Structures are given as structure tokens and as C-alpha cells.
N, C-alpha and C. Protein backbone atom coordinates (compact mmCIF):
# COMPACT_ATOMS: atom_id res chain seq x y z
N MET A 1 97.47 12.02 -24.25
CA MET A 1 98.65 11.88 -24.73
C MET A 1 98.72 10.80 -25.91
N LYS A 2 97.85 9.80 -26.17
CA LYS A 2 97.97 9.03 -27.23
C LYS A 2 97.55 9.58 -28.47
N ALA A 3 96.69 10.65 -28.30
CA ALA A 3 96.35 11.54 -29.46
C ALA A 3 97.69 12.13 -30.25
N PHE A 4 98.58 12.78 -29.49
CA PHE A 4 99.49 13.16 -29.85
C PHE A 4 100.45 12.37 -30.65
N GLU A 5 100.70 11.12 -30.15
CA GLU A 5 101.61 10.18 -30.72
C GLU A 5 100.66 9.72 -32.33
N LEU A 6 99.36 9.52 -32.27
CA LEU A 6 98.90 9.52 -33.54
C LEU A 6 98.98 10.55 -34.33
N VAL A 7 99.00 11.82 -34.30
CA VAL A 7 99.14 12.74 -34.91
C VAL A 7 100.71 12.98 -35.36
N VAL A 8 101.68 12.71 -34.66
CA VAL A 8 102.94 12.47 -35.03
C VAL A 8 103.20 11.38 -36.00
N ALA A 9 102.50 10.17 -35.64
CA ALA A 9 102.46 8.96 -36.62
C ALA A 9 102.03 9.41 -38.14
N GLY A 10 100.83 10.14 -38.08
CA GLY A 10 100.32 10.28 -38.99
C GLY A 10 101.32 11.77 -39.94
N ALA A 11 101.78 12.52 -39.17
CA ALA A 11 102.79 13.41 -40.10
C ALA A 11 103.76 12.66 -40.46
N LEU A 12 104.37 11.73 -39.77
CA LEU A 12 105.55 10.89 -40.50
C LEU A 12 105.26 10.03 -41.51
N ALA A 13 104.02 9.58 -41.65
CA ALA A 13 103.70 8.62 -42.78
C ALA A 13 103.36 9.67 -43.98
N ALA A 14 102.85 10.93 -43.74
CA ALA A 14 102.59 11.66 -44.80
C ALA A 14 104.19 12.21 -45.42
N ALA A 15 105.13 12.39 -44.66
CA ALA A 15 106.40 12.68 -45.00
C ALA A 15 106.88 11.37 -45.76
N GLY A 16 106.57 10.31 -45.54
CA GLY A 16 107.16 8.95 -46.18
C GLY A 16 106.36 8.99 -47.44
N VAL A 17 105.02 9.51 -47.42
CA VAL A 17 104.32 9.48 -48.97
C VAL A 17 104.91 10.53 -50.08
N PHE A 18 105.39 11.56 -49.37
CA PHE A 18 105.86 12.74 -49.80
C PHE A 18 107.32 12.40 -50.27
N SER A 19 108.24 11.71 -49.50
CA SER A 19 109.26 10.96 -49.87
C SER A 19 109.34 10.16 -51.16
N LEU A 20 108.17 9.35 -50.94
CA LEU A 20 108.15 8.20 -52.08
C LEU A 20 107.63 8.92 -53.46
N VAL A 21 106.89 9.69 -53.52
CA VAL A 21 106.55 10.54 -54.66
C VAL A 21 107.95 11.42 -55.23
N ARG A 22 108.39 12.11 -54.26
CA ARG A 22 109.58 12.90 -54.57
C ARG A 22 110.83 12.07 -55.33
N TRP A 23 110.75 10.77 -54.78
CA TRP A 23 112.07 9.89 -55.38
C TRP A 23 111.44 9.12 -56.59
N LEU A 24 110.23 8.82 -56.88
CA LEU A 24 109.84 8.28 -58.03
C LEU A 24 109.78 9.29 -59.07
N ARG A 25 109.85 10.64 -58.85
CA ARG A 25 109.95 11.37 -59.99
C ARG A 25 111.30 11.58 -60.17
N THR A 26 112.32 11.46 -59.71
CA THR A 26 113.70 11.56 -59.89
C THR A 26 114.19 10.42 -60.82
N ASP A 27 115.12 11.24 -62.09
CA ASP A 27 115.48 10.17 -63.08
C ASP A 27 116.98 9.94 -62.45
N TYR A 28 117.24 8.47 -62.80
CA TYR A 28 118.66 8.06 -62.50
C TYR A 28 118.81 6.98 -63.52
N GLU A 29 120.09 7.14 -64.30
CA GLU A 29 120.08 5.82 -65.11
C GLU A 29 121.27 5.16 -64.58
N PRO A 30 121.23 4.05 -63.87
CA PRO A 30 122.34 3.15 -63.59
C PRO A 30 123.30 2.75 -64.70
N ALA A 31 124.49 2.48 -64.41
CA ALA A 31 125.34 2.09 -65.43
C ALA A 31 125.22 0.69 -65.45
N SER A 32 124.86 -0.27 -64.36
CA SER A 32 124.90 -1.49 -64.49
C SER A 32 123.86 -2.16 -63.61
N ALA A 33 123.71 -3.30 -63.55
CA ALA A 33 122.55 -4.00 -62.70
C ALA A 33 123.02 -4.25 -61.32
N ARG A 34 124.13 -3.92 -61.09
CA ARG A 34 124.66 -3.55 -59.57
C ARG A 34 124.14 -2.40 -59.13
N GLU A 35 124.50 -1.29 -59.73
CA GLU A 35 123.98 0.15 -59.52
C GLU A 35 122.36 0.18 -59.42
N ARG A 36 121.68 -0.47 -60.13
CA ARG A 36 120.20 -0.64 -60.12
C ARG A 36 119.88 -1.15 -58.64
N VAL A 37 120.43 -2.13 -58.43
CA VAL A 37 120.07 -3.08 -57.13
C VAL A 37 120.43 -2.03 -56.07
N LEU A 38 121.53 -1.71 -55.86
CA LEU A 38 122.10 -0.73 -54.72
C LEU A 38 120.97 0.51 -54.78
N TYR A 39 120.94 1.17 -55.84
CA TYR A 39 120.11 2.18 -55.85
C TYR A 39 118.52 1.95 -55.33
N ALA A 40 118.04 0.90 -55.65
CA ALA A 40 116.70 0.10 -55.20
C ALA A 40 116.84 0.09 -53.80
N VAL A 41 117.81 -0.65 -53.11
CA VAL A 41 117.90 -0.57 -51.77
C VAL A 41 117.94 0.61 -50.88
N HIS A 42 118.83 1.49 -51.74
CA HIS A 42 119.09 2.79 -51.10
C HIS A 42 117.75 3.75 -50.70
N LEU A 43 117.10 3.42 -52.22
CA LEU A 43 115.60 4.47 -51.82
C LEU A 43 114.51 3.57 -50.81
N THR A 44 114.56 2.42 -51.16
CA THR A 44 113.98 1.55 -50.00
C THR A 44 114.10 1.77 -48.64
N SER A 45 114.94 1.72 -48.35
CA SER A 45 115.57 2.15 -46.80
C SER A 45 115.35 3.78 -46.55
N ARG A 46 115.86 4.65 -47.48
CA ARG A 46 115.35 5.99 -47.37
C ARG A 46 113.84 6.15 -47.13
N ILE A 47 112.99 5.80 -48.01
CA ILE A 47 111.92 5.95 -47.89
C ILE A 47 110.96 5.23 -46.57
N GLY A 48 111.98 3.86 -46.43
CA GLY A 48 111.26 3.21 -45.27
C GLY A 48 111.38 3.58 -43.95
N MET A 49 112.21 4.39 -43.81
CA MET A 49 112.68 5.25 -42.66
C MET A 49 111.35 6.00 -41.84
N TRP A 50 110.76 6.79 -43.05
CA TRP A 50 109.70 7.73 -42.50
C TRP A 50 108.68 6.63 -42.02
N PHE A 51 108.43 5.46 -42.91
CA PHE A 51 107.34 4.61 -42.35
C PHE A 51 107.64 3.74 -41.13
N ALA A 52 108.91 3.46 -40.93
CA ALA A 52 109.19 2.65 -39.47
C ALA A 52 108.93 3.89 -38.36
N PHE A 53 109.38 5.09 -38.67
CA PHE A 53 109.39 5.96 -37.63
C PHE A 53 107.73 6.36 -37.18
N ALA A 54 106.72 6.38 -38.32
CA ALA A 54 105.67 6.52 -38.12
C ALA A 54 104.87 5.08 -37.43
N ALA A 55 105.42 4.01 -37.89
CA ALA A 55 104.89 2.84 -37.14
C ALA A 55 105.45 2.51 -35.58
N LEU A 56 106.47 3.14 -35.47
CA LEU A 56 107.06 3.31 -33.77
C LEU A 56 106.04 4.36 -33.21
N ALA A 57 105.74 5.40 -33.67
CA ALA A 57 105.08 6.37 -33.00
C ALA A 57 103.58 5.93 -32.78
N ALA A 58 103.07 5.22 -33.82
CA ALA A 58 101.59 4.57 -33.65
C ALA A 58 101.76 3.36 -32.81
N GLY A 59 102.62 2.74 -32.98
CA GLY A 59 102.74 1.52 -31.93
C GLY A 59 102.63 1.89 -30.36
N TYR A 60 103.84 3.06 -30.27
CA TYR A 60 103.74 3.38 -28.92
C TYR A 60 102.51 3.99 -28.44
N ALA A 61 101.80 4.53 -29.40
CA ALA A 61 100.31 5.13 -28.97
C ALA A 61 99.42 4.05 -28.87
N MET A 62 99.67 2.78 -29.40
CA MET A 62 98.32 1.68 -29.57
C MET A 62 98.73 0.43 -28.20
N VAL A 63 100.10 0.54 -27.89
CA VAL A 63 100.46 -0.74 -27.13
C VAL A 63 100.39 -0.24 -25.87
N ASP A 64 99.76 -1.00 -24.70
CA ASP A 64 99.68 -0.67 -23.44
C ASP A 64 100.87 -0.57 -22.83
N ASP A 65 101.72 -1.52 -23.15
CA ASP A 65 102.94 -1.71 -22.36
C ASP A 65 104.36 -1.33 -23.28
N PRO A 66 104.39 -0.13 -23.50
CA PRO A 66 105.56 0.12 -24.65
C PRO A 66 107.08 -0.48 -24.55
N GLY A 67 107.47 -0.99 -23.09
CA GLY A 67 108.34 -1.72 -23.05
C GLY A 67 108.56 -2.90 -23.89
N ARG A 68 107.32 -3.69 -24.38
CA ARG A 68 107.42 -4.60 -25.13
C ARG A 68 107.57 -4.21 -26.70
N PHE A 69 107.54 -3.15 -26.80
CA PHE A 69 107.41 -2.59 -28.31
C PHE A 69 109.05 -2.17 -28.54
N THR A 70 109.89 -2.07 -27.71
CA THR A 70 111.28 -1.74 -27.75
C THR A 70 112.09 -2.60 -28.87
N GLY A 71 111.45 -3.71 -29.19
CA GLY A 71 112.56 -4.43 -30.29
C GLY A 71 112.31 -3.83 -31.81
N PHE A 72 111.18 -3.10 -31.73
CA PHE A 72 111.03 -2.39 -33.15
C PHE A 72 112.04 -1.33 -33.38
N VAL A 73 112.52 -1.01 -32.28
CA VAL A 73 113.52 0.32 -32.41
C VAL A 73 114.72 -0.45 -33.65
N MET A 74 114.91 -1.55 -33.77
CA MET A 74 115.94 -2.26 -34.59
C MET A 74 115.64 -2.05 -35.96
N VAL A 75 114.39 -1.82 -36.63
CA VAL A 75 113.96 -1.48 -37.68
C VAL A 75 114.47 -0.24 -38.30
N PRO A 76 114.59 0.92 -37.66
CA PRO A 76 114.94 2.00 -38.14
C PRO A 76 116.37 2.35 -38.24
N ILE A 77 117.09 1.44 -37.19
CA ILE A 77 118.30 1.22 -37.27
C ILE A 77 119.24 0.39 -38.47
N VAL A 78 118.49 -0.81 -38.78
CA VAL A 78 118.84 -1.67 -39.89
C VAL A 78 118.77 -0.73 -41.34
N LEU A 79 117.67 0.03 -41.39
CA LEU A 79 117.53 0.83 -42.53
C LEU A 79 118.44 1.92 -42.64
N ALA A 80 118.77 2.34 -41.46
CA ALA A 80 119.69 3.46 -41.69
C ALA A 80 120.95 2.74 -42.05
N ALA A 81 121.49 1.76 -41.41
CA ALA A 81 122.76 0.99 -41.81
C ALA A 81 122.53 0.68 -43.33
N LEU A 82 121.52 0.35 -43.91
CA LEU A 82 121.53 -0.24 -45.05
C LEU A 82 121.71 1.22 -46.14
N GLN A 83 121.09 2.23 -45.50
CA GLN A 83 121.10 3.31 -46.25
C GLN A 83 122.41 4.08 -46.31
N LEU A 84 123.18 3.78 -45.20
CA LEU A 84 124.47 4.20 -45.19
C LEU A 84 125.58 3.64 -46.04
N LEU A 85 125.17 1.86 -45.96
CA LEU A 85 125.93 1.29 -46.89
C LEU A 85 125.91 1.44 -48.48
N THR A 86 124.71 1.45 -48.78
CA THR A 86 124.35 1.72 -50.32
C THR A 86 124.78 3.12 -50.60
N GLY A 87 124.61 3.83 -49.80
CA GLY A 87 125.17 5.17 -50.18
C GLY A 87 126.58 5.31 -50.46
N PHE A 88 127.29 4.54 -49.60
CA PHE A 88 128.70 4.41 -49.72
C PHE A 88 128.98 4.00 -50.96
N LEU A 89 128.36 2.63 -51.16
CA LEU A 89 128.87 2.00 -52.48
C LEU A 89 128.40 2.66 -53.72
N LEU A 90 127.35 3.53 -53.72
CA LEU A 90 127.19 4.17 -54.90
C LEU A 90 127.88 5.49 -55.20
N ALA A 91 128.59 6.01 -54.23
CA ALA A 91 129.41 7.06 -54.23
C ALA A 91 130.68 6.62 -54.85
N ARG A 92 131.23 5.28 -54.68
CA ARG A 92 132.43 4.78 -55.12
C ARG A 92 132.50 4.98 -56.74
N PRO A 93 133.57 5.24 -57.23
CA PRO A 93 133.76 5.45 -58.71
C PRO A 93 133.69 4.12 -59.20
N PRO A 94 133.35 3.66 -60.69
CA PRO A 94 133.10 2.36 -61.06
C PRO A 94 134.57 1.97 -61.51
N ARG A 95 134.86 0.53 -61.53
CA ARG A 95 136.36 0.26 -61.43
C ARG A 95 136.74 0.27 -62.97
């Protein structure tokens, strides 16, 4: 069963690399330094979600007691919250 989790972790990590390459090729010209920072945090959280899920699958496969690994679940939750918040702030029209 551990081999399946490692394959899933590899697939999620590959998706993270694909997402990284895709977003690095996207052109975006921010209007201000605030938008530049928000966009950087948004992309970091968006790409980081793939790697966090990959780490979660790999950790689940490698840890003897998965119950001790449950605290790591907060990492994707925090990344999702950051992505939601920065997406909302970037969608607002400038003042």
C-alpha cells in the first residue's frame, strides 16, 4: 500500500512542477508594489498546494504512525486560505 502513496506523491509533485512552469510563463504587469506582492503570495500558495499535497502523501507513506502526521494537514489549509484572500484582494478594483 505504501507504493501507491508514493506514486500519488510523485504525480502530485509532477503537477506542482507543471503548475510552476505554467505560471512562470504567464505575463502579468502589476500596477503597484502592493499588487506585485499579492500576486507573488497568490502564486506561491497556488503552486505550494501541489507540493504540500505531495508531501502529505509521501509523509503518509513513510511515517509508521500516520496519527502523528495529522498536524501537517494545516499547511494546505493555510495555503488555501492565503490563495483565497489574495485572490479576493487582487480582484478588487483599484481605489
